């Protein structure tokens, strides 16, 4: 699919924003991995599309969903929807299907898919 120039520029802006968010989270939490899902992972995003992220953080298995969101929210800027899961929850997590890894503790920032 050929992306419009504005959509590609939007993806690059999102990439810069996501990278900043990830590095802030990695400094403050035992962040293990980050995945993008939804339109920005599938490649059918528009220049106005939000970005959907999955943050995999160690040590949060017993913490409720709302508390997880509250922990991370101060670090989120821009048009970002997100979920926070533990490594143990990752394999059975429905949103992981079709998600693409954008950051790993071992690999660093891998970038967003840009078509």
PDB file of N, CA and C in Angstrom:
ATOM      1  N   UNK A   1       0.839  -1.174   0.000  1.00  0.00           N
ATOM      2  CA  UNK A   1       0.000   0.000   0.000  1.00  0.00           C
ATOM      3  C   UNK A   1       0.887   1.242   0.000  1.00  0.00           C
ATOM      4  N   UNK A   2       0.583   2.191  -0.848  1.00  0.00           N
ATOM      5  CA  UNK A   2       1.343   3.433  -0.917  1.00  0.00           C
ATOM      6  C   UNK A   2       0.767   4.403   0.107  1.00  0.00           C
ATOM      7  N   UNK A   3       1.593   4.867   0.991  1.00  0.00           N
ATOM      8  CA  UNK A   3       1.185   5.798   2.040  1.00  0.00           C
ATOM      9  C   UNK A   3       1.311   7.218   1.531  1.00  0.00           C
ATOM     10  N   UNK A   4       0.396   8.070   1.970  1.00  0.00           N
ATOM     11  CA  UNK A   4       0.509   9.482   1.638  1.00  0.00           C
ATOM     12  C   UNK A   4       1.703  10.057   2.394  1.00  0.00           C
ATOM     13  N   UNK A   5       2.230  11.136   1.870  1.00  0.00           N
ATOM     14  CA  UNK A   5       3.388  11.775   2.506  1.00  0.00           C
ATOM     15  C   UNK A   5       3.050  12.188   3.940  1.00  0.00           C
ATOM     16  N   UNK A   6       1.834  12.714   4.142  1.00  0.00           N
ATOM     17  CA  UNK A   6       1.458  13.152   5.488  1.00  0.00           C
ATOM     18  C   UNK A   6       1.346  11.970   6.455  1.00  0.00           C
ATOM     19  N   UNK A   7       0.901  10.806   5.959  1.00  0.00           N
ATOM     20  CA  UNK A   7       0.801   9.622   6.821  1.00  0.00           C
ATOM     21  C   UNK A   7       2.187   9.130   7.221  1.00  0.00           C
ATOM     22  N   UNK A   8       3.111   9.122   6.280  1.00  0.00           N
ATOM     23  CA  UNK A   8       4.485   8.690   6.584  1.00  0.00           C
ATOM     24  C   UNK A   8       5.133   9.657   7.572  1.00  0.00           C
ATOM     25  N   UNK A   9       4.924  10.961   7.366  1.00  0.00           N
ATOM     26  CA  UNK A   9       5.467  11.952   8.298  1.00  0.00           C
ATOM     27  C   UNK A   9       4.858  11.776   9.687  1.00  0.00           C
ATOM     28  N   UNK A  10       3.560  11.464   9.720  1.00  0.00           N
ATOM     29  CA  UNK A  10       2.879  11.212  10.986  1.00  0.00           C
ATOM     30  C   UNK A  10       3.499  10.021  11.710  1.00  0.00           C
ATOM     31  N   UNK A  11       3.812   8.966  10.969  1.00  0.00           N
ATOM     32  CA  UNK A  11       4.420   7.772  11.570  1.00  0.00           C
ATOM     33  C   UNK A  11       5.805   8.111  12.134  1.00  0.00           C
ATOM     34  N   UNK A  12       6.545   8.941  11.431  1.00  0.00           N
ATOM     35  CA  UNK A  12       7.870   9.343  11.921  1.00  0.00           C
ATOM     36  C   UNK A  12       7.751  10.184  13.189  1.00  0.00           C
ATOM     37  N   UNK A  13       6.756  11.092  13.242  1.00  0.00           N
ATOM     38  CA  UNK A  13       6.532  11.885  14.452  1.00  0.00           C
ATOM     39  C   UNK A  13       6.151  10.976  15.621  1.00  0.00           C
ATOM     40  N   UNK A  14       5.269  10.014  15.333  1.00  0.00           N
ATOM     41  CA  UNK A  14       4.871   9.055  16.370  1.00  0.00           C
ATOM     42  C   UNK A  14       6.084   8.274  16.863  1.00  0.00           C
ATOM     43  N   UNK A  15       6.943   7.885  15.944  1.00  0.00           N
ATOM     44  CA  UNK A  15       8.133   7.129  16.314  1.00  0.00           C
ATOM     45  C   UNK A  15       8.997   7.924  17.288  1.00  0.00           C
ATOM     46  N   UNK A  16       9.204   9.204  17.018  1.00  0.00           N
ATOM     47  CA  UNK A  16      10.000  10.048  17.920  1.00  0.00           C
ATOM     48  C   UNK A  16       9.349  10.152  19.294  1.00  0.00           C
ATOM     49  N   UNK A  17       8.024  10.355  19.304  1.00  0.00           N
ATOM     50  CA  UNK A  17       7.296  10.477  20.558  1.00  0.00           C
ATOM     51  C   UNK A  17       7.360   9.171  21.351  1.00  0.00           C
ATOM     52  N   UNK A  18       7.131   8.047  20.674  1.00  0.00           N
ATOM     53  CA  UNK A  18       7.150   6.735  21.328  1.00  0.00           C
ATOM     54  C   UNK A  18       8.530   6.443  21.905  1.00  0.00           C
ATOM     55  N   UNK A  19       9.555   6.779  21.174  1.00  0.00           N
ATOM     56  CA  UNK A  19      10.918   6.542  21.654  1.00  0.00           C
ATOM     57  C   UNK A  19      11.162   7.301  22.961  1.00  0.00           C
ATOM     58  N   UNK A  20      10.717   8.540  23.048  1.00  0.00           N
ATOM     59  CA  UNK A  20      10.887   9.325  24.276  1.00  0.00           C
ATOM     60  C   UNK A  20      10.116   8.704  25.434  1.00  0.00           C
ATOM     61  N   UNK A  21       8.877   8.288  25.162  1.00  0.00           N
ATOM     62  CA  UNK A  21       8.063   7.651  26.203  1.00  0.00           C
ATOM     63  C   UNK A  21       8.747   6.386  26.713  1.00  0.00           C
ATOM     64  N   UNK A  22       9.213   5.571  25.792  1.00  0.00           N
ATOM     65  CA  UNK A  22       9.852   4.302  26.168  1.00  0.00           C
ATOM     66  C   UNK A  22      11.074   4.543  27.042  1.00  0.00           C
ATOM     67  N   UNK A  23      11.916   5.469  26.660  1.00  0.00           N
ATOM     68  CA  UNK A  23      13.128   5.685  27.444  1.00  0.00           C
ATOM     69  C   UNK A  23      12.817   6.238  28.831  1.00  0.00           C
ATOM     70  N   UNK A  24      11.770   7.057  28.947  1.00  0.00           N
ATOM     71  CA  UNK A  24      11.363   7.522  30.275  1.00  0.00           C
ATOM     72  C   UNK A  24      10.845   6.364  31.124  1.00  0.00           C
ATOM     73  N   UNK A  25      10.030   5.511  30.513  1.00  0.00           N
ATOM     74  CA  UNK A  25       9.510   4.356  31.251  1.00  0.00           C
ATOM     75  C   UNK A  25      10.633   3.409  31.665  1.00  0.00           C
ATOM     76  N   UNK A  26      11.578   3.182  30.763  1.00  0.00           N
ATOM     77  CA  UNK A  26      12.691   2.269  31.053  1.00  0.00           C
ATOM     78  C   UNK A  26      13.557   2.778  32.208  1.00  0.00           C
ATOM     79  N   UNK A  27      13.603   4.087  32.397  1.00  0.00           N
ATOM     80  CA  UNK A  27      14.365   4.660  33.508  1.00  0.00           C
ATOM     81  C   UNK A  27      13.635   4.515  34.840  1.00  0.00           C
ATOM     82  N   UNK A  28      12.307   4.354  34.785  1.00  0.00           N
ATOM     83  CA  UNK A  28      11.499   4.370  35.999  1.00  0.00           C
ATOM     84  C   UNK A  28      10.840   3.043  36.370  1.00  0.00           C
ATOM     85  N   UNK A  29      10.825   2.097  35.446  1.00  0.00           N
ATOM     86  CA  UNK A  29      10.162   0.812  35.665  1.00  0.00           C
ATOM     87  C   UNK A  29      11.016  -0.306  35.079  1.00  0.00           C
ATOM     88  N   UNK A  30      10.796  -1.544  35.538  1.00  0.00           N
ATOM     89  CA  UNK A  30      11.505  -2.678  34.926  1.00  0.00           C
ATOM     90  C   UNK A  30      10.834  -3.077  33.599  1.00  0.00           C
ATOM     91  N   UNK A  31      10.897  -2.166  32.647  1.00  0.00           N
ATOM     92  CA  UNK A  31      10.295  -2.366  31.326  1.00  0.00           C
ATOM     93  C   UNK A  31      11.060  -3.453  30.592  1.00  0.00           C
ATOM     94  N   UNK A  32      10.340  -4.422  30.061  1.00  0.00           N
ATOM     95  CA  UNK A  32      10.973  -5.532  29.358  1.00  0.00           C
ATOM     96  C   UNK A  32      10.830  -5.404  27.850  1.00  0.00           C
ATOM     97  N   UNK A  33       9.601  -5.092  27.384  1.00  0.00           N
ATOM     98  CA  UNK A  33       9.337  -4.990  25.946  1.00  0.00           C
ATOM     99  C   UNK A  33       8.205  -4.001  25.701  1.00  0.00           C
ATOM    100  N   UNK A  34       8.157  -3.488  24.465  1.00  0.00           N
ATOM    101  CA  UNK A  34       7.055  -2.630  24.032  1.00  0.00           C
ATOM    102  C   UNK A  34       6.633  -3.083  22.645  1.00  0.00           C
ATOM    103  N   UNK A  35       5.323  -3.174  22.455  1.00  0.00           N
ATOM    104  CA  UNK A  35       4.749  -3.582  21.174  1.00  0.00           C
ATOM    105  C   UNK A  35       3.761  -2.532  20.700  1.00  0.00           C
ATOM    106  N   UNK A  36       3.644  -2.391  19.389  1.00  0.00           N
ATOM    107  CA  UNK A  36       2.607  -1.566  18.782  1.00  0.00           C
ATOM    108  C   UNK A  36       1.576  -2.515  18.186  1.00  0.00           C
ATOM    109  N   UNK A  37       0.304  -2.150  18.312  1.00  0.00           N
ATOM    110  CA  UNK A  37      -0.759  -2.937  17.696  1.00  0.00           C
ATOM    111  C   UNK A  37      -1.757  -1.980  17.055  1.00  0.00           C
ATOM    112  N   UNK A  38      -2.733  -2.506  16.378  1.00  0.00           N
ATOM    113  CA  UNK A  38      -3.727  -1.659  15.727  1.00  0.00           C
ATOM    114  C   UNK A  38      -3.253  -1.175  14.369  1.00  0.00           C
ATOM    115  N   UNK A  39      -3.816  -0.059  13.925  1.00  0.00           N
ATOM    116  CA  UNK A  39      -3.569   0.427  12.559  1.00  0.00           C
ATOM    117  C   UNK A  39      -2.104   0.749  12.293  1.00  0.00           C
ATOM    118  N   UNK A  40      -1.387   1.241  13.283  1.00  0.00           N
ATOM    119  CA  UNK A  40       0.028   1.585  13.052  1.00  0.00           C
ATOM    120  C   UNK A  40       0.900   0.344  12.933  1.00  0.00           C
ATOM    121  N   UNK A  41       0.464  -0.765  13.478  1.00  0.00           N
ATOM    122  CA  UNK A  41       1.182  -2.035  13.299  1.00  0.00           C
ATOM    123  C   UNK A  41       0.787  -2.700  11.987  1.00  0.00           C
ATOM    124  N   UNK A  42      -0.491  -2.603  11.635  1.00  0.00           N
ATOM    125  CA  UNK A  42      -0.979  -3.237  10.404  1.00  0.00           C
ATOM    126  C   UNK A  42      -0.558  -2.482   9.152  1.00  0.00           C
ATOM    127  N   UNK A  43      -0.327  -1.172   9.289  1.00  0.00           N
ATOM    128  CA  UNK A  43       0.047  -0.367   8.135  1.00  0.00           C
ATOM    129  C   UNK A  43      -1.119   0.336   7.478  1.00  0.00           C
ATOM    130  N   UNK A  44      -2.320   0.246   8.054  1.00  0.00           N
ATOM    131  CA  UNK A  44      -3.470   0.930   7.461  1.00  0.00           C
ATOM    132  C   UNK A  44      -3.831   2.204   8.231  1.00  0.00           C
ATOM    133  N   UNK A  45      -2.835   2.801   8.868  1.00  0.00           N
ATOM    134  CA  UNK A  45      -3.030   4.031   9.623  1.00  0.00           C
ATOM    135  C   UNK A  45      -3.201   5.233   8.692  1.00  0.00           C
ATOM    136  N   UNK A  46      -3.795   6.279   9.260  1.00  0.00           N
ATOM    137  CA  UNK A  46      -3.912   7.573   8.576  1.00  0.00           C
ATOM    138  C   UNK A  46      -3.055   8.561   9.346  1.00  0.00           C
ATOM    139  N   UNK A  47      -2.871   9.735   8.786  1.00  0.00           N
ATOM    140  CA  UNK A  47      -2.024  10.710   9.477  1.00  0.00           C
ATOM    141  C   UNK A  47      -2.620  11.146  10.814  1.00  0.00           C
ATOM    142  N   UNK A  48      -3.937  10.977  10.996  1.00  0.00           N
ATOM    143  CA  UNK A  48      -4.588  11.364  12.252  1.00  0.00           C
ATOM    144  C   UNK A  48      -4.765  10.195  13.226  1.00  0.00           C
ATOM    145  N   UNK A  49      -4.304   9.016  12.850  1.00  0.00           N
ATOM    146  CA  UNK A  49      -4.473   7.833  13.712  1.00  0.00           C
ATOM    147  C   UNK A  49      -3.680   7.955  15.008  1.00  0.00           C
ATOM    148  N   UNK A  50      -4.263   7.419  16.077  1.00  0.00           N
ATOM    149  CA  UNK A  50      -3.524   7.341  17.333  1.00  0.00           C
ATOM    150  C   UNK A  50      -2.543   6.176  17.243  1.00  0.00           C
ATOM    151  N   UNK A  51      -1.845   5.941  18.325  1.00  0.00           N
ATOM    152  CA  UNK A  51      -0.964   4.779  18.376  1.00  0.00           C
ATOM    153  C   UNK A  51      -1.359   3.944  19.587  1.00  0.00           C
ATOM    154  N   UNK A  52      -1.353   2.642  19.404  1.00  0.00           N
ATOM    155  CA  UNK A  52      -1.730   1.697  20.448  1.00  0.00           C
ATOM    156  C   UNK A  52      -0.490   0.922  20.868  1.00  0.00           C
ATOM    157  N   UNK A  53      -0.173   0.968  22.157  1.00  0.00           N
ATOM    158  CA  UNK A  53       1.047   0.343  22.656  1.00  0.00           C
ATOM    159  C   UNK A  53       0.753  -0.649  23.774  1.00  0.00           C
ATOM    160  N   UNK A  54       1.547  -1.694  23.815  1.00  0.00           N
ATOM    161  CA  UNK A  54       1.530  -2.661  24.912  1.00  0.00           C
ATOM    162  C   UNK A  54       2.884  -2.553  25.610  1.00  0.00           C
ATOM    163  N   UNK A  55       2.858  -2.199  26.891  1.00  0.00           N
ATOM    164  CA  UNK A  55       4.074  -2.145  27.692  1.00  0.00           C
ATOM    165  C   UNK A  55       4.145  -3.417  28.532  1.00  0.00           C
ATOM    166  N   UNK A  56       5.222  -4.157  28.398  1.00  0.00           N
ATOM    167  CA  UNK A  56       5.429  -5.372  29.183  1.00  0.00           C
ATOM    168  C   UNK A  56       6.405  -5.007  30.302  1.00  0.00           C
ATOM    169  N   UNK A  57       5.892  -5.038  31.534  1.00  0.00           N
ATOM    170  CA  UNK A  57       6.674  -4.599  32.690  1.00  0.00           C
ATOM    171  C   UNK A  57       6.744  -5.733  33.706  1.00  0.00           C
ATOM    172  N   UNK A  58       7.930  -5.984  34.191  1.00  0.00           N
ATOM    173  CA  UNK A  58       8.126  -7.049  35.182  1.00  0.00           C
ATOM    174  C   UNK A  58       7.621  -6.608  36.555  1.00  0.00           C
ATOM    175  N   UNK A  59       7.147  -7.586  37.329  1.00  0.00           N
ATOM    176  CA  UNK A  59       6.767  -7.334  38.711  1.00  0.00           C
ATOM    177  C   UNK A  59       5.403  -6.715  38.926  1.00  0.00           C
ATOM    178  N   UNK A  60       4.530  -6.727  37.924  1.00  0.00           N
ATOM    179  CA  UNK A  60       3.218  -6.096  38.088  1.00  0.00           C
ATOM    180  C   UNK A  60       2.068  -7.092  38.064  1.00  0.00           C
ATOM    181  N   UNK A  61       2.365  -8.359  38.055  1.00  0.00           N
ATOM    182  CA  UNK A  61       1.322  -9.386  37.896  1.00  0.00           C
ATOM    183  C   UNK A  61       0.176  -9.227  38.892  1.00  0.00           C
ATOM    184  N   UNK A  62       0.429  -8.907  40.130  1.00  0.00           N
ATOM    185  CA  UNK A  62      -0.629  -8.783  41.134  1.00  0.00           C
ATOM    186  C   UNK A  62      -1.286  -7.417  41.206  1.00  0.00           C
ATOM    187  N   UNK A  63      -0.887  -6.495  40.355  1.00  0.00           N
ATOM    188  CA  UNK A  63      -1.417  -5.131  40.374  1.00  0.00           C
ATOM    189  C   UNK A  63      -2.596  -5.046  39.409  1.00  0.00           C
ATOM    190  N   UNK A  64      -3.682  -4.393  39.833  1.00  0.00           N
ATOM    191  CA  UNK A  64      -4.885  -4.263  39.011  1.00  0.00           C
ATOM    192  C   UNK A  64      -4.672  -3.386  37.785  1.00  0.00           C
ATOM    193  N   UNK A  65      -5.580  -3.517  36.836  1.00  0.00           N
ATOM    194  CA  UNK A  65      -5.490  -2.790  35.562  1.00  0.00           C
ATOM    195  C   UNK A  65      -5.473  -1.282  35.774  1.00  0.00           C
ATOM    196  N   UNK A  66      -6.366  -0.771  36.609  1.00  0.00           N
ATOM    197  CA  UNK A  66      -6.449   0.676  36.842  1.00  0.00           C
ATOM    198  C   UNK A  66      -5.160   1.188  37.464  1.00  0.00           C
ATOM    199  N   UNK A  67      -4.642   0.477  38.435  1.00  0.00           N
ATOM    200  CA  UNK A  67      -3.398   0.895  39.087  1.00  0.00           C
ATOM    201  C   UNK A  67      -2.234   0.902  38.102  1.00  0.00           C
ATOM    202  N   UNK A  68      -2.204  -0.076  37.220  1.00  0.00           N
ATOM    203  CA  UNK A  68      -1.156  -0.114  36.191  1.00  0.00           C
ATOM    204  C   UNK A  68      -1.235   1.122  35.301  1.00  0.00           C
ATOM    205  N   UNK A  69      -2.449   1.451  34.881  1.00  0.00           N
ATOM    206  CA  UNK A  69      -2.637   2.616  34.009  1.00  0.00           C
ATOM    207  C   UNK A  69      -2.206   3.902  34.727  1.00  0.00           C
ATOM    208  N   UNK A  70      -2.566   4.004  35.993  1.00  0.00           N
ATOM    209  CA  UNK A  70      -2.207   5.190  36.772  1.00  0.00           C
ATOM    210  C   UNK A  70      -0.699   5.322  36.946  1.00  0.00           C
ATOM    211  N   UNK A  71      -0.002   4.205  37.063  1.00  0.00           N
ATOM    212  CA  UNK A  71       1.461   4.236  37.201  1.00  0.00           C
ATOM    213  C   UNK A  71       2.120   4.812  35.950  1.00  0.00           C
ATOM    214  N   UNK A  72       1.600   4.442  34.795  1.00  0.00           N
ATOM    215  CA  UNK A  72       2.232   4.773  33.522  1.00  0.00           C
ATOM    216  C   UNK A  72       1.749   6.107  32.953  1.00  0.00           C
ATOM    217  N   UNK A  73       0.514   6.480  33.250  1.00  0.00           N
ATOM    218  CA  UNK A  73      -0.103   7.675  32.654  1.00  0.00           C
ATOM    219  C   UNK A  73       0.741   8.943  32.702  1.00  0.00           C
ATOM    220  N   UNK A  74       1.440   9.238  33.806  1.00  0.00           N
ATOM    221  CA  UNK A  74       2.226  10.476  33.828  1.00  0.00           C
ATOM    222  C   UNK A  74       3.314  10.547  32.747  1.00  0.00           C
ATOM    223  N   UNK A  75       3.688   9.421  32.192  1.00  0.00           N
ATOM    224  CA  UNK A  75       4.751   9.382  31.189  1.00  0.00           C
ATOM    225  C   UNK A  75       4.213   9.414  29.752  1.00  0.00           C
ATOM    226  N   UNK A  76       2.907   9.323  29.604  1.00  0.00           N
ATOM    227  CA  UNK A  76       2.299   9.242  28.276  1.00  0.00           C
ATOM    228  C   UNK A  76       1.948  10.634  27.783  1.00  0.00           C
ATOM    229  N   UNK A  77       2.432  10.954  26.613  1.00  0.00           N
ATOM    230  CA  UNK A  77       2.155  12.242  25.974  1.00  0.00           C
ATOM    231  C   UNK A  77       1.602  11.975  24.585  1.00  0.00           C
ATOM    232  N   UNK A  78       0.677  12.801  24.152  1.00  0.00           N
ATOM    233  CA  UNK A  78       0.173  12.683  22.792  1.00  0.00           C
ATOM    234  C   UNK A  78      -0.982  11.705  22.669  1.00  0.00           C
ATOM    235  N   UNK A  79      -1.277  11.354  21.443  1.00  0.00           N
ATOM    236  CA  UNK A  79      -2.430  10.532  21.083  1.00  0.00           C
ATOM    237  C   UNK A  79      -2.072   9.048  21.200  1.00  0.00           C
ATOM    238  N   UNK A  80      -1.954   8.573  22.450  1.00  0.00           N
ATOM    239  CA  UNK A  80      -1.481   7.219  22.728  1.00  0.00           C
ATOM    240  C   UNK A  80      -2.513   6.467  23.565  1.00  0.00           C
ATOM    241  N   UNK A  81      -2.914   5.303  23.080  1.00  0.00           N
ATOM    242  CA  UNK A  81      -3.689   4.358  23.881  1.00  0.00           C
ATOM    243  C   UNK A  81      -2.718   3.258  24.293  1.00  0.00           C
ATOM    244  N   UNK A  82      -2.862   2.759  25.513  1.00  0.00           N
ATOM    245  CA  UNK A  82      -1.892   1.764  25.960  1.00  0.00           C
ATOM    246  C   UNK A  82      -2.501   0.785  26.950  1.00  0.00           C
ATOM    247  N   UNK A  83      -1.845  -0.343  27.041  1.00  0.00           N
ATOM    248  CA  UNK A  83      -2.138  -1.338  28.066  1.00  0.00           C
ATOM    249  C   UNK A  83      -0.811  -1.747  28.691  1.00  0.00           C
ATOM    250  N   UNK A  84      -0.892  -2.200  29.928  1.00  0.00           N
ATOM    251  CA  UNK A  84       0.300  -2.617  30.657  1.00  0.00           C
ATOM    252  C   UNK A  84       0.082  -4.059  31.103  1.00  0.00           C
ATOM    253  N   UNK A  85       0.997  -4.933  30.709  1.00  0.00           N
ATOM    254  CA  UNK A  85       0.889  -6.343  31.081  1.00  0.00           C
ATOM    255  C   UNK A  85       2.216  -6.826  31.658  1.00  0.00           C
ATOM    256  N   UNK A  86       2.137  -7.951  32.343  1.00  0.00           N
ATOM    257  CA  UNK A  86       3.354  -8.576  32.864  1.00  0.00           C
ATOM    258  C   UNK A  86       3.875  -9.571  31.832  1.00  0.00           C
ATOM    259  N   UNK A  87       5.139  -9.961  31.919  1.00  0.00           N
ATOM    260  CA  UNK A  87       5.661 -10.970  30.992  1.00  0.00           C
ATOM    261  C   UNK A  87       4.867 -12.276  31.045  1.00  0.00           C
ATOM    262  N   UNK A  88       4.363 -12.621  32.225  1.00  0.00           N
ATOM    263  CA  UNK A  88       3.593 -13.858  32.373  1.00  0.00           C
ATOM    264  C   UNK A  88       2.263 -13.801  31.629  1.00  0.00           C
ATOM    265  N   UNK A  89       1.726 -12.611  31.448  1.00  0.00           N
ATOM    266  CA  UNK A  89       0.432 -12.440  30.778  1.00  0.00           C
ATOM    267  C   UNK A  89       0.554 -12.339  29.260  1.00  0.00           C
ATOM    268  N   UNK A  90       1.743 -12.142  28.779  1.00  0.00           N
ATOM    269  CA  UNK A  90       1.960 -11.844  27.357  1.00  0.00           C
ATOM    270  C   UNK A  90       1.473 -12.936  26.416  1.00  0.00           C
ATOM    271  N   UNK A  91       1.813 -14.175  26.671  1.00  0.00           N
ATOM    272  CA  UNK A  91       1.479 -15.257  25.740  1.00  0.00           C
ATOM    273  C   UNK A  91      -0.012 -15.401  25.491  1.00  0.00           C
ATOM    274  N   UNK A  92      -0.829 -15.231  26.501  1.00  0.00           N
ATOM    275  CA  UNK A  92      -2.267 -15.395  26.328  1.00  0.00           C
ATOM    276  C   UNK A  92      -3.014 -14.110  26.040  1.00  0.00           C
ATOM    277  N   UNK A  93      -2.287 -13.010  25.849  1.00  0.00           N
ATOM    278  CA  UNK A  93      -2.935 -11.712  25.695  1.00  0.00           C
ATOM    279  C   UNK A  93      -3.424 -11.523  24.266  1.00  0.00           C
ATOM    280  N   UNK A  94      -4.718 -11.304  24.118  1.00  0.00           N
ATOM    281  CA  UNK A  94      -5.363 -11.233  22.806  1.00  0.00           C
ATOM    282  C   UNK A  94      -4.765 -10.158  21.894  1.00  0.00           C
ATOM    283  N   UNK A  95      -4.451  -9.004  22.429  1.00  0.00           N
ATOM    284  CA  UNK A  95      -3.938  -7.906  21.602  1.00  0.00           C
ATOM    285  C   UNK A  95      -2.539  -8.165  21.053  1.00  0.00           C
ATOM    286  N   UNK A  96      -1.857  -9.188  21.570  1.00  0.00           N
ATOM    287  CA  UNK A  96      -0.520  -9.512  21.061  1.00  0.00           C
ATOM    288  C   UNK A  96      -0.581 -10.060  19.633  1.00  0.00           C
ATOM    289  N   UNK A  97      -1.738 -10.599  19.248  1.00  0.00           N
ATOM    290  CA  UNK A  97      -1.873 -11.129  17.889  1.00  0.00           C
ATOM    291  C   UNK A  97      -1.772  -9.959  16.902  1.00  0.00           C
ATOM    292  N   UNK A  98      -0.796 -10.014  16.035  1.00  0.00           N
ATOM    293  CA  UNK A  98      -0.580  -8.947  15.061  1.00  0.00           C
ATOM    294  C   UNK A  98       0.246  -7.781  15.578  1.00  0.00           C
ATOM    295  N   UNK A  99       0.588  -7.813  16.866  1.00  0.00           N
ATOM    296  CA  UNK A  99       1.409  -6.735  17.429  1.00  0.00           C
ATOM    297  C   UNK A  99       2.847  -6.875  16.935  1.00  0.00           C
ATOM    298  N   UNK A 100       3.535  -5.741  16.856  1.00  0.00           N
ATOM    299  CA  UNK A 100       4.929  -5.744  16.410  1.00  0.00           C
ATOM    300  C   UNK A 100       5.805  -5.129  17.497  1.00  0.00           C
ATOM    301  N   UNK A 101       6.895  -5.801  17.763  1.00  0.00           N
ATOM    302  CA  UNK A 101       7.820  -5.332  18.794  1.00  0.00           C
ATOM    303  C   UNK A 101       8.529  -4.073  18.312  1.00  0.00           C
ATOM    304  N   UNK A 102       8.532  -3.044  19.176  1.00  0.00           N
ATOM    305  CA  UNK A 102       9.224  -1.802  18.832  1.00  0.00           C
ATOM    306  C   UNK A 102      10.388  -1.503  19.773  1.00  0.00           C
ATOM    307  N   UNK A 103      10.429  -2.217  20.903  1.00  0.00           N
ATOM    308  CA  UNK A 103      11.530  -2.015  21.842  1.00  0.00           C
ATOM    309  C   UNK A 103      11.683  -3.259  22.700  1.00  0.00           C
ATOM    310  N   UNK A 104      12.922  -3.587  23.008  1.00  0.00           N
ATOM    311  CA  UNK A 104      13.226  -4.662  23.939  1.00  0.00           C
ATOM    312  C   UNK A 104      14.425  -4.261  24.770  1.00  0.00           C
ATOM    313  N   UNK A 105      14.446  -4.686  26.006  1.00  0.00           N
ATOM    314  CA  UNK A 105      15.566  -4.346  26.892  1.00  0.00           C
ATOM    315  C   UNK A 105      16.896  -4.755  26.273  1.00  0.00           C
ATOM    316  N   UNK A 106      16.919  -5.897  25.619  1.00  0.00           N
ATOM    317  CA  UNK A 106      18.154  -6.391  24.990  1.00  0.00           C
ATOM    318  C   UNK A 106      18.462  -5.673  23.680  1.00  0.00           C
ATOM    319  N   UNK A 107      17.424  -5.442  22.859  1.00  0.00           N
ATOM    320  CA  UNK A 107      17.625  -4.918  21.505  1.00  0.00           C
ATOM    321  C   UNK A 107      17.639  -3.399  21.416  1.00  0.00           C
ATOM    322  N   UNK A 108      16.992  -2.730  22.373  1.00  0.00           N
ATOM    323  CA  UNK A 108      16.823  -1.294  22.267  1.00  0.00           C
ATOM    324  C   UNK A 108      15.649  -0.961  21.359  1.00  0.00           C
ATOM    325  N   UNK A 109      15.641   0.258  20.831  1.00  0.00           N
ATOM    326  CA  UNK A 109      14.523   0.718  20.007  1.00  0.00           C
ATOM    327  C   UNK A 109      14.637   0.141  18.605  1.00  0.00           C
ATOM    328  N   UNK A 110      13.583  -0.532  18.168  1.00  0.00           N
ATOM    329  CA  UNK A 110      13.568  -1.182  16.855  1.00  0.00           C
ATOM    330  C   UNK A 110      12.842  -0.349  15.805  1.00  0.00           C
ATOM    331  N   UNK A 111      12.097   0.648  16.236  1.00  0.00           N
ATOM    332  CA  UNK A 111      11.384   1.516  15.306  1.00  0.00           C
ATOM    333  C   UNK A 111       9.974   1.043  15.024  1.00  0.00           C
ATOM    334  N   UNK A 112       9.164   1.977  14.526  1.00  0.00           N
ATOM    335  CA  UNK A 112       7.803   1.656  14.106  1.00  0.00           C
ATOM    336  C   UNK A 112       7.825   1.202  12.664  1.00  0.00           C
ATOM    337  N   UNK A 113       6.878   0.346  12.284  1.00  0.00           N
ATOM    338  CA  UNK A 113       6.792  -0.036  10.870  1.00  0.00           C
ATOM    339  C   UNK A 113       6.403   1.180  10.027  1.00  0.00           C
ATOM    340  N   UNK A 114       7.186   1.483   9.025  1.00  0.00           N
ATOM    341  CA  UNK A 114       6.871   2.595   8.112  1.00  0.00           C
ATOM    342  C   UNK A 114       6.849   2.040   6.704  1.00  0.00           C
ATOM    343  N   UNK A 115       5.664   2.073   6.105  1.00  0.00           N
ATOM    344  CA  UNK A 115       5.515   1.567   4.734  1.00  0.00           C
ATOM    345  C   UNK A 115       5.730   2.688   3.743  1.00  0.00           C
TER     346      UNK A 115
END
